[in-house]
PDB file of N, CA and C in Angstrom:
ATOM      1  N   UNK A   1      76.497  43.782  26.517  1.00  0.00           N
ATOM      2  CA  UNK A   1      77.129  44.505  25.438  1.00  0.00           C
ATOM      3  C   UNK A   1      78.306  43.700  24.909  1.00  0.00           C
ATOM      4  N   UNK A   2      78.491  43.681  23.618  1.00  0.00           N
ATOM      5  CA  UNK A   2      79.566  42.916  22.995  1.00  0.00           C
ATOM      6  C   UNK A   2      80.901  43.595  23.241  1.00  0.00           C
ATOM      7  N   UNK A   3      81.909  42.789  23.402  1.00  0.00           N
ATOM      8  CA  UNK A   3      83.252  43.309  23.608  1.00  0.00           C
ATOM      9  C   UNK A   3      83.898  43.615  22.267  1.00  0.00           C
ATOM     10  N   UNK A   4      84.450  44.822  22.148  1.00  0.00           N
ATOM     11  CA  UNK A   4      85.057  45.244  20.877  1.00  0.00           C
ATOM     12  C   UNK A   4      86.200  44.326  20.475  1.00  0.00           C
ATOM     13  N   UNK A   5      86.933  43.804  21.452  1.00  0.00           N
ATOM     14  CA  UNK A   5      88.067  42.953  21.093  1.00  0.00           C
ATOM     15  C   UNK A   5      87.626  41.620  20.492  1.00  0.00           C
ATOM     16  N   UNK A   6      86.491  41.112  20.890  1.00  0.00           N
ATOM     17  CA  UNK A   6      86.034  39.825  20.352  1.00  0.00           C
ATOM     18  C   UNK A   6      85.306  39.973  19.027  1.00  0.00           C
ATOM     19  N   UNK A   7      84.867  41.170  18.708  1.00  0.00           N
ATOM     20  CA  UNK A   7      84.150  41.382  17.450  1.00  0.00           C
ATOM     21  C   UNK A   7      84.977  42.168  16.438  1.00  0.00           C
ATOM     22  N   UNK A   8      86.223  42.458  16.779  1.00  0.00           N
ATOM     23  CA  UNK A   8      87.140  43.145  15.874  1.00  0.00           C
ATOM     24  C   UNK A   8      87.594  42.152  14.813  1.00  0.00           C
ATOM     25  N   UNK A   9      87.309  42.452  13.567  1.00  0.00           N
ATOM     26  CA  UNK A   9      87.626  41.524  12.483  1.00  0.00           C
ATOM     27  C   UNK A   9      89.121  41.293  12.325  1.00  0.00           C
ATOM     28  N   UNK A  10      89.928  42.240  12.761  1.00  0.00           N
ATOM     29  CA  UNK A  10      91.370  42.126  12.611  1.00  0.00           C
ATOM     30  C   UNK A  10      92.009  41.009  13.418  1.00  0.00           C
ATOM     31  N   UNK A  11      91.315  40.502  14.406  1.00  0.00           N
ATOM     32  CA  UNK A  11      91.926  39.446  15.223  1.00  0.00           C
ATOM     33  C   UNK A  11      91.671  38.047  14.676  1.00  0.00           C
ATOM     34  N   UNK A  12      90.820  37.932  13.666  1.00  0.00           N
ATOM     35  CA  UNK A  12      90.502  36.618  13.107  1.00  0.00           C
ATOM     36  C   UNK A  12      91.166  36.436  11.748  1.00  0.00           C
ATOM     37  N   UNK A  13      91.696  35.250  11.531  1.00  0.00           N
ATOM     38  CA  UNK A  13      92.326  34.942  10.248  1.00  0.00           C
ATOM     39  C   UNK A  13      91.257  34.667   9.195  1.00  0.00           C
ATOM     40  N   UNK A  14      91.672  34.709   7.945  1.00  0.00           N
ATOM     41  CA  UNK A  14      90.756  34.376   6.845  1.00  0.00           C
ATOM     42  C   UNK A  14      90.223  32.959   7.023  1.00  0.00           C
ATOM     43  N   UNK A  15      91.070  32.077   7.512  1.00  0.00           N
ATOM     44  CA  UNK A  15      90.662  30.689   7.733  1.00  0.00           C
ATOM     45  C   UNK A  15      89.567  30.601   8.798  1.00  0.00           C
ATOM     46  N   UNK A  16      89.708  31.355   9.879  1.00  0.00           N
ATOM     47  CA  UNK A  16      88.703  31.340  10.937  1.00  0.00           C
ATOM     48  C   UNK A  16      87.382  31.948  10.466  1.00  0.00           C
ATOM     49  N   UNK A  17      87.464  33.001   9.678  1.00  0.00           N
ATOM     50  CA  UNK A  17      86.249  33.630   9.151  1.00  0.00           C
ATOM     51  C   UNK A  17      85.538  32.685   8.194  1.00  0.00           C
ATOM     52  N   UNK A  18      86.309  32.018   7.346  1.00  0.00           N
ATOM     53  CA  UNK A  18      85.720  31.044   6.427  1.00  0.00           C
ATOM     54  C   UNK A  18      85.025  29.933   7.208  1.00  0.00           C
ATOM     55  N   UNK A  19      85.659  29.424   8.237  1.00  0.00           N
ATOM     56  CA  UNK A  19      85.050  28.368   9.046  1.00  0.00           C
ATOM     57  C   UNK A  19      83.745  28.845   9.685  1.00  0.00           C
ATOM     58  N   UNK A  20      83.743  30.037  10.251  1.00  0.00           N
ATOM     59  CA  UNK A  20      82.513  30.547  10.860  1.00  0.00           C
ATOM     60  C   UNK A  20      81.402  30.657   9.820  1.00  0.00           C
ATOM     61  N   UNK A  21      81.723  31.185   8.658  1.00  0.00           N
ATOM     62  CA  UNK A  21      80.718  31.306   7.594  1.00  0.00           C
ATOM     63  C   UNK A  21      80.190  29.933   7.193  1.00  0.00           C
ATOM     64  N   UNK A  22      81.073  28.945   7.128  1.00  0.00           N
ATOM     65  CA  UNK A  22      80.649  27.593   6.769  1.00  0.00           C
ATOM     66  C   UNK A  22      79.758  26.986   7.851  1.00  0.00           C
ATOM     67  N   UNK A  23      80.091  27.218   9.109  1.00  0.00           N
ATOM     68  CA  UNK A  23      79.258  26.706  10.203  1.00  0.00           C
ATOM     69  C   UNK A  23      77.865  27.334  10.167  1.00  0.00           C
ATOM     70  N   UNK A  24      77.810  28.630   9.962  1.00  0.00           N
ATOM     71  CA  UNK A  24      76.514  29.309   9.882  1.00  0.00           C
ATOM     72  C   UNK A  24      75.723  28.806   8.681  1.00  0.00           C
ATOM     73  N   UNK A  25      76.394  28.678   7.548  1.00  0.00           N
ATOM     74  CA  UNK A  25      75.724  28.223   6.329  1.00  0.00           C
ATOM     75  C   UNK A  25      75.198  26.789   6.489  1.00  0.00           C
ATOM     76  N   UNK A  26      75.993  25.923   7.094  1.00  0.00           N
ATOM     77  CA  UNK A  26      75.570  24.526   7.254  1.00  0.00           C
ATOM     78  C   UNK A  26      74.381  24.395   8.205  1.00  0.00           C
ATOM     79  N   UNK A  27      74.197  25.388   9.076  1.00  0.00           N
ATOM     80  CA  UNK A  27      73.038  25.396   9.978  1.00  0.00           C
ATOM     81  C   UNK A  27      71.884  26.233   9.425  1.00  0.00           C
ATOM     82  N   UNK A  28      71.951  26.564   8.128  1.00  0.00           N
ATOM     83  CA  UNK A  28      70.899  27.337   7.452  1.00  0.00           C
ATOM     84  C   UNK A  28      70.632  28.693   8.099  1.00  0.00           C
ATOM     85  N   UNK A  29      71.680  29.291   8.636  1.00  0.00           N
ATOM     86  CA  UNK A  29      71.568  30.639   9.191  1.00  0.00           C
ATOM     87  C   UNK A  29      72.021  31.582   8.085  1.00  0.00           C
ATOM     88  N   UNK A  30      71.046  32.084   7.333  1.00  0.00           N
ATOM     89  CA  UNK A  30      71.402  32.809   6.123  1.00  0.00           C
ATOM     90  C   UNK A  30      71.342  34.322   6.245  1.00  0.00           C
ATOM     91  N   UNK A  31      70.953  34.848   7.412  1.00  0.00           N
ATOM     92  CA  UNK A  31      70.939  36.303   7.574  1.00  0.00           C
ATOM     93  C   UNK A  31      70.890  36.664   9.059  1.00  0.00           C
ATOM     94  N   UNK A  32      70.967  37.961   9.332  1.00  0.00           N
ATOM     95  CA  UNK A  32      70.976  38.439  10.717  1.00  0.00           C
ATOM     96  C   UNK A  32      69.691  38.056  11.438  1.00  0.00           C
ATOM     97  N   UNK A  33      68.558  38.196  10.771  1.00  0.00           N
ATOM     98  CA  UNK A  33      67.282  37.858  11.414  1.00  0.00           C
ATOM     99  C   UNK A  33      67.240  36.399  11.855  1.00  0.00           C
ATOM    100  N   UNK A  34      67.724  35.517  11.015  1.00  0.00           N
ATOM    101  CA  UNK A  34      67.744  34.083  11.357  1.00  0.00           C
ATOM    102  C   UNK A  34      68.670  33.847  12.548  1.00  0.00           C
ATOM    103  N   UNK A  35      69.830  34.500  12.543  1.00  0.00           N
ATOM    104  CA  UNK A  35      70.777  34.336  13.644  1.00  0.00           C
ATOM    105  C   UNK A  35      70.175  34.833  14.955  1.00  0.00           C
ATOM    106  N   UNK A  36      69.554  35.988  14.923  1.00  0.00           N
ATOM    107  CA  UNK A  36      68.995  36.542  16.164  1.00  0.00           C
ATOM    108  C   UNK A  36      67.750  35.802  16.642  1.00  0.00           C
ATOM    109  N   UNK A  37      67.140  35.005  15.776  1.00  0.00           N
ATOM    110  CA  UNK A  37      65.944  34.258  16.183  1.00  0.00           C
ATOM    111  C   UNK A  37      66.270  32.897  16.797  1.00  0.00           C
ATOM    112  N   UNK A  38      67.528  32.497  16.753  1.00  0.00           N
ATOM    113  CA  UNK A  38      67.911  31.193  17.304  1.00  0.00           C
ATOM    114  C   UNK A  38      67.892  31.213  18.820  1.00  0.00           C
ATOM    115  N   UNK A  39      67.667  30.037  19.403  1.00  0.00           N
ATOM    116  CA  UNK A  39      67.736  29.968  20.856  1.00  0.00           C
ATOM    117  C   UNK A  39      69.200  29.955  21.295  1.00  0.00           C
ATOM    118  N   UNK A  40      69.401  30.315  22.539  1.00  0.00           N
ATOM    119  CA  UNK A  40      70.751  30.471  23.088  1.00  0.00           C
ATOM    120  C   UNK A  40      71.573  29.190  22.973  1.00  0.00           C
ATOM    121  N   UNK A  41      70.958  28.032  23.185  1.00  0.00           N
ATOM    122  CA  UNK A  41      71.693  26.768  23.104  1.00  0.00           C
ATOM    123  C   UNK A  41      72.255  26.529  21.710  1.00  0.00           C
ATOM    124  N   UNK A  42      71.475  26.835  20.689  1.00  0.00           N
ATOM    125  CA  UNK A  42      71.924  26.651  19.306  1.00  0.00           C
ATOM    126  C   UNK A  42      73.110  27.568  19.009  1.00  0.00           C
ATOM    127  N   UNK A  43      73.010  28.816  19.441  1.00  0.00           N
ATOM    128  CA  UNK A  43      74.107  29.763  19.211  1.00  0.00           C
ATOM    129  C   UNK A  43      75.352  29.327  19.968  1.00  0.00           C
ATOM    130  N   UNK A  44      75.180  28.888  21.194  1.00  0.00           N
ATOM    131  CA  UNK A  44      76.338  28.423  21.965  1.00  0.00           C
ATOM    132  C   UNK A  44      76.985  27.213  21.301  1.00  0.00           C
ATOM    133  N   UNK A  45      76.183  26.349  20.710  1.00  0.00           N
ATOM    134  CA  UNK A  45      76.712  25.192  19.998  1.00  0.00           C
ATOM    135  C   UNK A  45      77.583  25.632  18.816  1.00  0.00           C
ATOM    136  N   UNK A  46      77.131  26.638  18.083  1.00  0.00           N
ATOM    137  CA  UNK A  46      77.910  27.157  16.955  1.00  0.00           C
ATOM    138  C   UNK A  46      79.222  27.756  17.455  1.00  0.00           C
ATOM    139  N   UNK A  47      79.151  28.536  18.523  1.00  0.00           N
ATOM    140  CA  UNK A  47      80.364  29.149  19.082  1.00  0.00           C
ATOM    141  C   UNK A  47      81.343  28.071  19.531  1.00  0.00           C
ATOM    142  N   UNK A  48      80.842  27.045  20.199  1.00  0.00           N
ATOM    143  CA  UNK A  48      81.705  25.949  20.664  1.00  0.00           C
ATOM    144  C   UNK A  48      82.345  25.224  19.485  1.00  0.00           C
ATOM    145  N   UNK A  49      81.552  24.929  18.454  1.00  0.00           N
ATOM    146  CA  UNK A  49      82.113  24.271  17.266  1.00  0.00           C
ATOM    147  C   UNK A  49      83.222  25.118  16.650  1.00  0.00           C
ATOM    148  N   UNK A  50      82.996  26.414  16.572  1.00  0.00           N
ATOM    149  CA  UNK A  50      83.981  27.315  15.979  1.00  0.00           C
ATOM    150  C   UNK A  50      85.255  27.341  16.821  1.00  0.00           C
ATOM    151  N   UNK A  51      85.102  27.443  18.138  1.00  0.00           N
ATOM    152  CA  UNK A  51      86.262  27.539  19.023  1.00  0.00           C
ATOM    153  C   UNK A  51      87.044  26.226  19.110  1.00  0.00           C
ATOM    154  N   UNK A  52      86.338  25.098  19.039  1.00  0.00           N
ATOM    155  CA  UNK A  52      86.991  23.806  19.247  1.00  0.00           C
ATOM    156  C   UNK A  52      87.390  23.103  17.957  1.00  0.00           C
ATOM    157  N   UNK A  53      87.146  23.721  16.821  1.00  0.00           N
ATOM    158  CA  UNK A  53      87.469  23.086  15.544  1.00  0.00           C
ATOM    159  C   UNK A  53      88.976  22.837  15.446  1.00  0.00           C
ATOM    160  N   UNK A  54      89.344  21.780  14.764  1.00  0.00           N
ATOM    161  CA  UNK A  54      90.749  21.377  14.654  1.00  0.00           C
ATOM    162  C   UNK A  54      91.648  22.439  14.041  1.00  0.00           C
ATOM    163  N   UNK A  55      91.107  23.310  13.186  1.00  0.00           N
ATOM    164  CA  UNK A  55      91.976  24.335  12.589  1.00  0.00           C
ATOM    165  C   UNK A  55      92.595  25.235  13.643  1.00  0.00           C
ATOM    166  N   UNK A  56      91.932  25.368  14.773  1.00  0.00           N
ATOM    167  CA  UNK A  56      92.445  26.235  15.829  1.00  0.00           C
ATOM    168  C   UNK A  56      93.570  25.592  16.631  1.00  0.00           C
ATOM    169  N   UNK A  57      93.900  24.359  16.320  1.00  0.00           N
ATOM    170  CA  UNK A  57      94.984  23.663  17.018  1.00  0.00           C
ATOM    171  C   UNK A  57      96.217  23.520  16.136  1.00  0.00           C
ATOM    172  N   UNK A  58      96.261  24.255  15.039  1.00  0.00           N
ATOM    173  CA  UNK A  58      97.383  24.169  14.105  1.00  0.00           C
ATOM    174  C   UNK A  58      98.430  25.249  14.338  1.00  0.00           C
ATOM    175  N   UNK A  59      98.299  26.022  15.395  1.00  0.00           N
ATOM    176  CA  UNK A  59      99.156  27.187  15.590  1.00  0.00           C
ATOM    177  C   UNK A  59     100.635  26.909  15.430  1.00  0.00           C
ATOM    178  N   UNK A  60     101.137  25.838  15.976  1.00  0.00           N
ATOM    179  CA  UNK A  60     102.566  25.569  15.849  1.00  0.00           C
ATOM    180  C   UNK A  60     102.871  24.628  14.696  1.00  0.00           C
ATOM    181  N   UNK A  61     101.839  24.143  14.027  1.00  0.00           N
ATOM    182  CA  UNK A  61     102.044  23.150  12.977  1.00  0.00           C
ATOM    183  C   UNK A  61     102.239  23.763  11.598  1.00  0.00           C
ATOM    184  N   UNK A  62     102.025  25.042  11.463  1.00  0.00           N
ATOM    185  CA  UNK A  62     102.148  25.662  10.152  1.00  0.00           C
ATOM    186  C   UNK A  62     102.817  27.024  10.257  1.00  0.00           C
ATOM    187  N   UNK A  63     103.712  27.278   9.352  1.00  0.00           N
ATOM    188  CA  UNK A  63     104.473  28.527   9.368  1.00  0.00           C
ATOM    189  C   UNK A  63     103.580  29.739   9.138  1.00  0.00           C
ATOM    190  N   UNK A  64     102.627  29.601   8.256  1.00  0.00           N
ATOM    191  CA  UNK A  64     101.839  30.751   7.828  1.00  0.00           C
ATOM    192  C   UNK A  64     100.520  30.908   8.582  1.00  0.00           C
ATOM    193  N   UNK A  65     100.396  30.296   9.716  1.00  0.00           N
ATOM    194  CA  UNK A  65      99.157  30.382  10.473  1.00  0.00           C
ATOM    195  C   UNK A  65      99.085  31.704  11.228  1.00  0.00           C
ATOM    196  N   UNK A  66      97.983  32.406  11.054  1.00  0.00           N
ATOM    197  CA  UNK A  66      97.783  33.679  11.740  1.00  0.00           C
ATOM    198  C   UNK A  66      96.542  33.617  12.623  1.00  0.00           C
ATOM    199  N   UNK A  67      96.130  32.436  13.012  1.00  0.00           N
ATOM    200  CA  UNK A  67      94.931  32.291  13.829  1.00  0.00           C
ATOM    201  C   UNK A  67      95.190  32.795  15.245  1.00  0.00           C
ATOM    202  N   UNK A  68      94.214  33.486  15.784  1.00  0.00           N
ATOM    203  CA  UNK A  68      94.273  33.910  17.171  1.00  0.00           C
ATOM    204  C   UNK A  68      93.284  33.056  17.958  1.00  0.00           C
ATOM    205  N   UNK A  69      93.398  33.100  19.258  1.00  0.00           N
ATOM    206  CA  UNK A  69      92.449  32.378  20.095  1.00  0.00           C
ATOM    207  C   UNK A  69      91.085  33.053  19.987  1.00  0.00           C
ATOM    208  N   UNK A  70      90.068  32.259  19.753  1.00  0.00           N
ATOM    209  CA  UNK A  70      88.710  32.795  19.638  1.00  0.00           C
ATOM    210  C   UNK A  70      88.158  32.974  21.047  1.00  0.00           C
ATOM    211  N   UNK A  71      87.893  34.216  21.418  1.00  0.00           N
ATOM    212  CA  UNK A  71      87.412  34.523  22.764  1.00  0.00           C
ATOM    213  C   UNK A  71      85.929  34.857  22.800  1.00  0.00           C
ATOM    214  N   UNK A  72      85.301  34.877  21.650  1.00  0.00           N
ATOM    215  CA  UNK A  72      83.876  35.188  21.539  1.00  0.00           C
ATOM    216  C   UNK A  72      83.075  34.190  22.377  1.00  0.00           C
ATOM    217  N   UNK A  73      82.096  34.699  23.150  1.00  0.00           N
ATOM    218  CA  UNK A  73      81.346  33.812  24.041  1.00  0.00           C
ATOM    219  C   UNK A  73      79.837  33.991  24.009  1.00  0.00           C
ATOM    220  N   UNK A  74      79.366  35.149  23.647  1.00  0.00           N
ATOM    221  CA  UNK A  74      77.937  35.425  23.814  1.00  0.00           C
ATOM    222  C   UNK A  74      77.213  35.568  22.478  1.00  0.00           C
ATOM    223  N   UNK A  75      75.906  35.457  22.565  1.00  0.00           N
ATOM    224  CA  UNK A  75      75.064  35.671  21.390  1.00  0.00           C
ATOM    225  C   UNK A  75      75.274  37.073  20.838  1.00  0.00           C
ATOM    226  N   UNK A  76      75.296  38.061  21.716  1.00  0.00           N
ATOM    227  CA  UNK A  76      75.474  39.451  21.277  1.00  0.00           C
ATOM    228  C   UNK A  76      76.796  39.620  20.529  1.00  0.00           C
ATOM    229  N   UNK A  77      77.845  38.979  21.016  1.00  0.00           N
ATOM    230  CA  UNK A  77      79.142  39.066  20.344  1.00  0.00           C
ATOM    231  C   UNK A  77      79.098  38.416  18.966  1.00  0.00           C
ATOM    232  N   UNK A  78      78.464  37.252  18.873  1.00  0.00           N
ATOM    233  CA  UNK A  78      78.374  36.573  17.581  1.00  0.00           C
ATOM    234  C   UNK A  78      77.552  37.396  16.595  1.00  0.00           C
ATOM    235  N   UNK A  79      76.453  37.959  17.044  1.00  0.00           N
ATOM    236  CA  UNK A  79      75.615  38.784  16.166  1.00  0.00           C
ATOM    237  C   UNK A  79      76.396  40.011  15.696  1.00  0.00           C
ATOM    238  N   UNK A  80      77.105  40.668  16.605  1.00  0.00           N
ATOM    239  CA  UNK A  80      77.888  41.847  16.220  1.00  0.00           C
ATOM    240  C   UNK A  80      78.999  41.470  15.242  1.00  0.00           C
ATOM    241  N   UNK A  81      79.683  40.371  15.508  1.00  0.00           N
ATOM    242  CA  UNK A  81      80.737  39.918  14.603  1.00  0.00           C
ATOM    243  C   UNK A  81      80.159  39.604  13.228  1.00  0.00           C
ATOM    244  N   UNK A  82      79.044  38.918  13.187  1.00  0.00           N
ATOM    245  CA  UNK A  82      78.394  38.572  11.920  1.00  0.00           C
ATOM    246  C   UNK A  82      78.029  39.832  11.138  1.00  0.00           C
ATOM    247  N   UNK A  83      77.445  40.806  11.816  1.00  0.00           N
ATOM    248  CA  UNK A  83      77.101  42.071  11.151  1.00  0.00           C
ATOM    249  C   UNK A  83      78.358  42.759  10.617  1.00  0.00           C
ATOM    250  N   UNK A  84      79.422  42.756  11.417  1.00  0.00           N
ATOM    251  CA  UNK A  84      80.684  43.361  10.982  1.00  0.00           C
ATOM    252  C   UNK A  84      81.246  42.653   9.755  1.00  0.00           C
ATOM    253  N   UNK A  85      81.130  41.330   9.726  1.00  0.00           N
ATOM    254  CA  UNK A  85      81.616  40.562   8.575  1.00  0.00           C
ATOM    255  C   UNK A  85      80.813  40.875   7.320  1.00  0.00           C
ATOM    256  N   UNK A  86      79.491  40.934   7.451  1.00  0.00           N
ATOM    257  CA  UNK A  86      78.653  41.266   6.295  1.00  0.00           C
ATOM    258  C   UNK A  86      79.030  42.639   5.740  1.00  0.00           C
ATOM    259  N   UNK A  87      79.273  43.573   6.638  1.00  0.00           N
ATOM    260  CA  UNK A  87      79.638  44.930   6.215  1.00  0.00           C
ATOM    261  C   UNK A  87      81.017  44.941   5.552  1.00  0.00           C
ATOM    262  N   UNK A  88      81.987  44.302   6.191  1.00  0.00           N
ATOM    263  CA  UNK A  88      83.351  44.299   5.651  1.00  0.00           C
ATOM    264  C   UNK A  88      83.399  43.673   4.259  1.00  0.00           C
ATOM    265  N   UNK A  89      82.741  42.557   4.098  1.00  0.00           N
ATOM    266  CA  UNK A  89      82.780  41.841   2.819  1.00  0.00           C
ATOM    267  C   UNK A  89      81.742  42.364   1.820  1.00  0.00           C
ATOM    268  N   UNK A  90      80.960  43.347   2.262  1.00  0.00           N
ATOM    269  CA  UNK A  90      79.947  43.977   1.407  1.00  0.00           C
ATOM    270  C   UNK A  90      78.989  42.946   0.809  1.00  0.00           C
ATOM    271  N   UNK A  91      78.453  42.113   1.706  1.00  0.00           N
ATOM    272  CA  UNK A  91      77.504  41.073   1.312  1.00  0.00           C
ATOM    273  C   UNK A  91      76.260  41.191   2.187  1.00  0.00           C
ATOM    274  N   UNK A  92      75.216  40.461   1.815  1.00  0.00           N
ATOM    275  CA  UNK A  92      73.957  40.578   2.553  1.00  0.00           C
ATOM    276  C   UNK A  92      73.506  39.297   3.232  1.00  0.00           C
ATOM    277  N   UNK A  93      74.204  38.178   2.967  1.00  0.00           N
ATOM    278  CA  UNK A  93      73.772  36.922   3.581  1.00  0.00           C
ATOM    279  C   UNK A  93      74.959  35.984   3.787  1.00  0.00           C
ATOM    280  N   UNK A  94      74.697  34.890   4.450  1.00  0.00           N
ATOM    281  CA  UNK A  94      75.757  33.959   4.831  1.00  0.00           C
ATOM    282  C   UNK A  94      76.393  33.275   3.634  1.00  0.00           C
ATOM    283  N   UNK A  95      75.603  32.909   2.648  1.00  0.00           N
ATOM    284  CA  UNK A  95      76.181  32.251   1.472  1.00  0.00           C
ATOM    285  C   UNK A  95      77.158  33.181   0.759  1.00  0.00           C
ATOM    286  N   UNK A  96      76.783  34.430   0.595  1.00  0.00           N
ATOM    287  CA  UNK A  96      77.688  35.395  -0.029  1.00  0.00           C
ATOM    288  C   UNK A  96      78.935  35.601   0.829  1.00  0.00           C
ATOM    289  N   UNK A  97      78.750  35.613   2.145  1.00  0.00           N
ATOM    290  CA  UNK A  97      79.886  35.753   3.058  1.00  0.00           C
ATOM    291  C   UNK A  97      80.830  34.567   2.921  1.00  0.00           C
ATOM    292  N   UNK A  98      80.280  33.363   2.894  1.00  0.00           N
ATOM    293  CA  UNK A  98      81.111  32.163   2.749  1.00  0.00           C
ATOM    294  C   UNK A  98      81.883  32.200   1.434  1.00  0.00           C
ATOM    295  N   UNK A  99      81.230  32.607   0.364  1.00  0.00           N
ATOM    296  CA  UNK A  99      81.912  32.688  -0.932  1.00  0.00           C
ATOM    297  C   UNK A  99      83.029  33.725  -0.904  1.00  0.00           C
ATOM    298  N   UNK A 100      82.755  34.893  -0.332  1.00  0.00           N
ATOM    299  CA  UNK A 100      83.770  35.947  -0.257  1.00  0.00           C
ATOM    300  C   UNK A 100      84.940  35.511   0.621  1.00  0.00           C
ATOM    301  N   UNK A 101      84.643  34.873   1.748  1.00  0.00           N
ATOM    302  CA  UNK A 101      85.700  34.398   2.644  1.00  0.00           C
ATOM    303  C   UNK A 101      86.514  33.294   1.978  1.00  0.00           C
ATOM    304  N   UNK A 102      85.857  32.447   1.204  1.00  0.00           N
ATOM    305  CA  UNK A 102      86.550  31.381   0.477  1.00  0.00           C
ATOM    306  C   UNK A 102      87.550  31.978  -0.509  1.00  0.00           C
ATOM    307  N   UNK A 103      87.107  32.945  -1.301  1.00  0.00           N
ATOM    308  CA  UNK A 103      88.008  33.545  -2.281  1.00  0.00           C
ATOM    309  C   UNK A 103      89.155  34.294  -1.607  1.00  0.00           C
ATOM    310  N   UNK A 104      88.880  34.938  -0.476  1.00  0.00           N
ATOM    311  CA  UNK A 104      89.957  35.607   0.259  1.00  0.00           C
ATOM    312  C   UNK A 104      90.974  34.578   0.734  1.00  0.00           C
ATOM    313  N   UNK A 105      90.501  33.477   1.253  1.00  0.00           N
ATOM    314  CA  UNK A 105      91.405  32.428   1.743  1.00  0.00           C
ATOM    315  C   UNK A 105      92.199  31.822   0.596  1.00  0.00           C
ATOM    316  N   UNK A 106      91.571  31.589  -0.542  1.00  0.00           N
ATOM    317  CA  UNK A 106      92.287  31.034  -1.701  1.00  0.00           C
ATOM    318  C   UNK A 106      93.369  31.998  -2.181  1.00  0.00           C
ATOM    319  N   UNK A 107      93.060  33.282  -2.223  1.00  0.00           N
ATOM    320  CA  UNK A 107      94.069  34.271  -2.611  1.00  0.00           C
ATOM    321  C   UNK A 107      95.221  34.297  -1.619  1.00  0.00           C
ATOM    322  N   UNK A 108      94.892  34.170  -0.349  1.00  0.00           N
ATOM    323  CA  UNK A 108      95.917  34.129   0.688  1.00  0.00           C
ATOM    324  C   UNK A 108      96.830  32.917   0.484  1.00  0.00           C
ATOM    325  N   UNK A 109      96.233  31.759   0.236  1.00  0.00           N
ATOM    326  CA  UNK A 109      97.023  30.543   0.028  1.00  0.00           C
ATOM    327  C   UNK A 109      97.871  30.627  -1.237  1.00  0.00           C
ATOM    328  N   UNK A 110      97.310  31.192  -2.297  1.00  0.00           N
ATOM    329  CA  UNK A 110      98.087  31.365  -3.529  1.00  0.00           C
ATOM    330  C   UNK A 110      99.289  32.266  -3.282  1.00  0.00           C
ATOM    331  N   UNK A 111      99.112  33.309  -2.489  1.00  0.00           N
ATOM    332  CA  UNK A 111     100.217  34.198  -2.149  1.00  0.00           C
ATOM    333  C   UNK A 111     101.293  33.484  -1.354  1.00  0.00           C
ATOM    334  N   UNK A 112     100.883  32.650  -0.429  1.00  0.00           N
ATOM    335  CA  UNK A 112     101.835  31.879   0.376  1.00  0.00           C
ATOM    336  C   UNK A 112     102.622  30.924  -0.513  1.00  0.00           C
ATOM    337  N   UNK A 113     101.931  30.251  -1.414  1.00  0.00           N
ATOM    338  CA  UNK A 113     102.594  29.310  -2.328  1.00  0.00           C
ATOM    339  C   UNK A 113     103.590  30.046  -3.212  1.00  0.00           C
ATOM    340  N   UNK A 114     103.188  31.182  -3.758  1.00  0.00           N
ATOM    341  CA  UNK A 114     104.092  31.958  -4.619  1.00  0.00           C
ATOM    342  C   UNK A 114     105.326  32.417  -3.846  1.00  0.00           C
ATOM    343  N   UNK A 115     105.123  32.874  -2.632  1.00  0.00           N
ATOM    344  CA  UNK A 115     106.244  33.314  -1.794  1.00  0.00           C
ATOM    345  C   UNK A 115     107.193  32.152  -1.527  1.00  0.00           C
ATOM    346  N   UNK A 116     106.643  30.989  -1.190  1.00  0.00           N
ATOM    347  CA  UNK A 116     107.472  29.813  -0.926  1.00  0.00           C
ATOM    348  C   UNK A 116     108.213  29.358  -2.177  1.00  0.00           C
ATOM    349  N   UNK A 117     107.558  29.419  -3.331  1.00  0.00           N
ATOM    350  CA  UNK A 117     108.215  29.052  -4.587  1.00  0.00           C
ATOM    351  C   UNK A 117     109.373  29.997  -4.885  1.00  0.00           C
ATOM    352  N   UNK A 118     109.150  31.286  -4.648  1.00  0.00           N
ATOM    353  CA  UNK A 118     110.203  32.268  -4.900  1.00  0.00           C
ATOM    354  C   UNK A 118     111.383  32.045  -3.964  1.00  0.00           C
ATOM    355  N   UNK A 119     111.103  31.763  -2.703  1.00  0.00           N
ATOM    356  CA  UNK A 119     112.183  31.485  -1.751  1.00  0.00           C
ATOM    357  C   UNK A 119     112.966  30.255  -2.189  1.00  0.00           C
ATOM    358  N   UNK A 120     112.281  29.234  -2.662  1.00  0.00           N
ATOM    359  CA  UNK A 120     112.941  28.019  -3.125  1.00  0.00           C
ATOM    360  C   UNK A 120     113.816  28.314  -4.338  1.00  0.00           C
ATOM    361  N   UNK A 121     113.272  29.061  -5.299  1.00  0.00           N
ATOM    362  CA  UNK A 121     114.049  29.422  -6.482  1.00  0.00           C
ATOM    363  C   UNK A 121     115.265  30.260  -6.109  1.00  0.00           C
ATOM    364  N   UNK A 122     115.089  31.200  -5.199  1.00  0.00           N
ATOM    365  CA  UNK A 122     116.213  32.026  -4.749  1.00  0.00           C
ATOM    366  C   UNK A 122     117.288  31.168  -4.094  1.00  0.00           C
ATOM    367  N   UNK A 123     116.866  30.180  -3.327  1.00  0.00           N
ATOM    368  CA  UNK A 123     117.818  29.279  -2.675  1.00  0.00           C
ATOM    369  C   UNK A 123     118.575  28.455  -3.709  1.00  0.00           C
ATOM    370  N   UNK A 124     117.866  27.968  -4.716  1.00  0.00           N
ATOM    371  CA  UNK A 124     118.514  27.184  -5.771  1.00  0.00           C
ATOM    372  C   UNK A 124     119.513  28.007  -6.566  1.00  0.00           C
ATOM    373  N   UNK A 125     119.213  29.271  -6.762  1.00  0.00           N
ATOM    374  CA  UNK A 125     120.049  30.132  -7.589  1.00  0.00           C
ATOM    375  C   UNK A 125     121.163  30.830  -6.826  1.00  0.00           C
ATOM    376  N   UNK A 126     121.248  30.618  -5.529  1.00  0.00           N
ATOM    377  CA  UNK A 126     122.298  31.303  -4.764  1.00  0.00           C
ATOM    378  C   UNK A 126     123.506  30.430  -4.547  1.00  0.00           C
TER     379      UNK A 126
END
């Protein structure tokens, strides 16, 4: 059975979700059926790539990083997380998920830039 803490969307940053969607998309895993039909080694490879990707080592290198440690380990957890992501983003396949996650991440970055610009302007004007 999948652990609720590892499949809770709230613990993953937009950046981590985007990366997972990109990994699935690059492996031509375009829907739940395709994901569940993969052999265990292939799924474990995807999980390892996601957990060991360099973005997960930026925790102290960036002020606005909200990444948590990825604790997901099993096929069941990945399938449950994927289903939860499709539902949350109201999409039906991996490409749509990747696009939605991309736009969410871009909006997040634009917000960070605007906040930083405002702080800079406030500093200049004080």
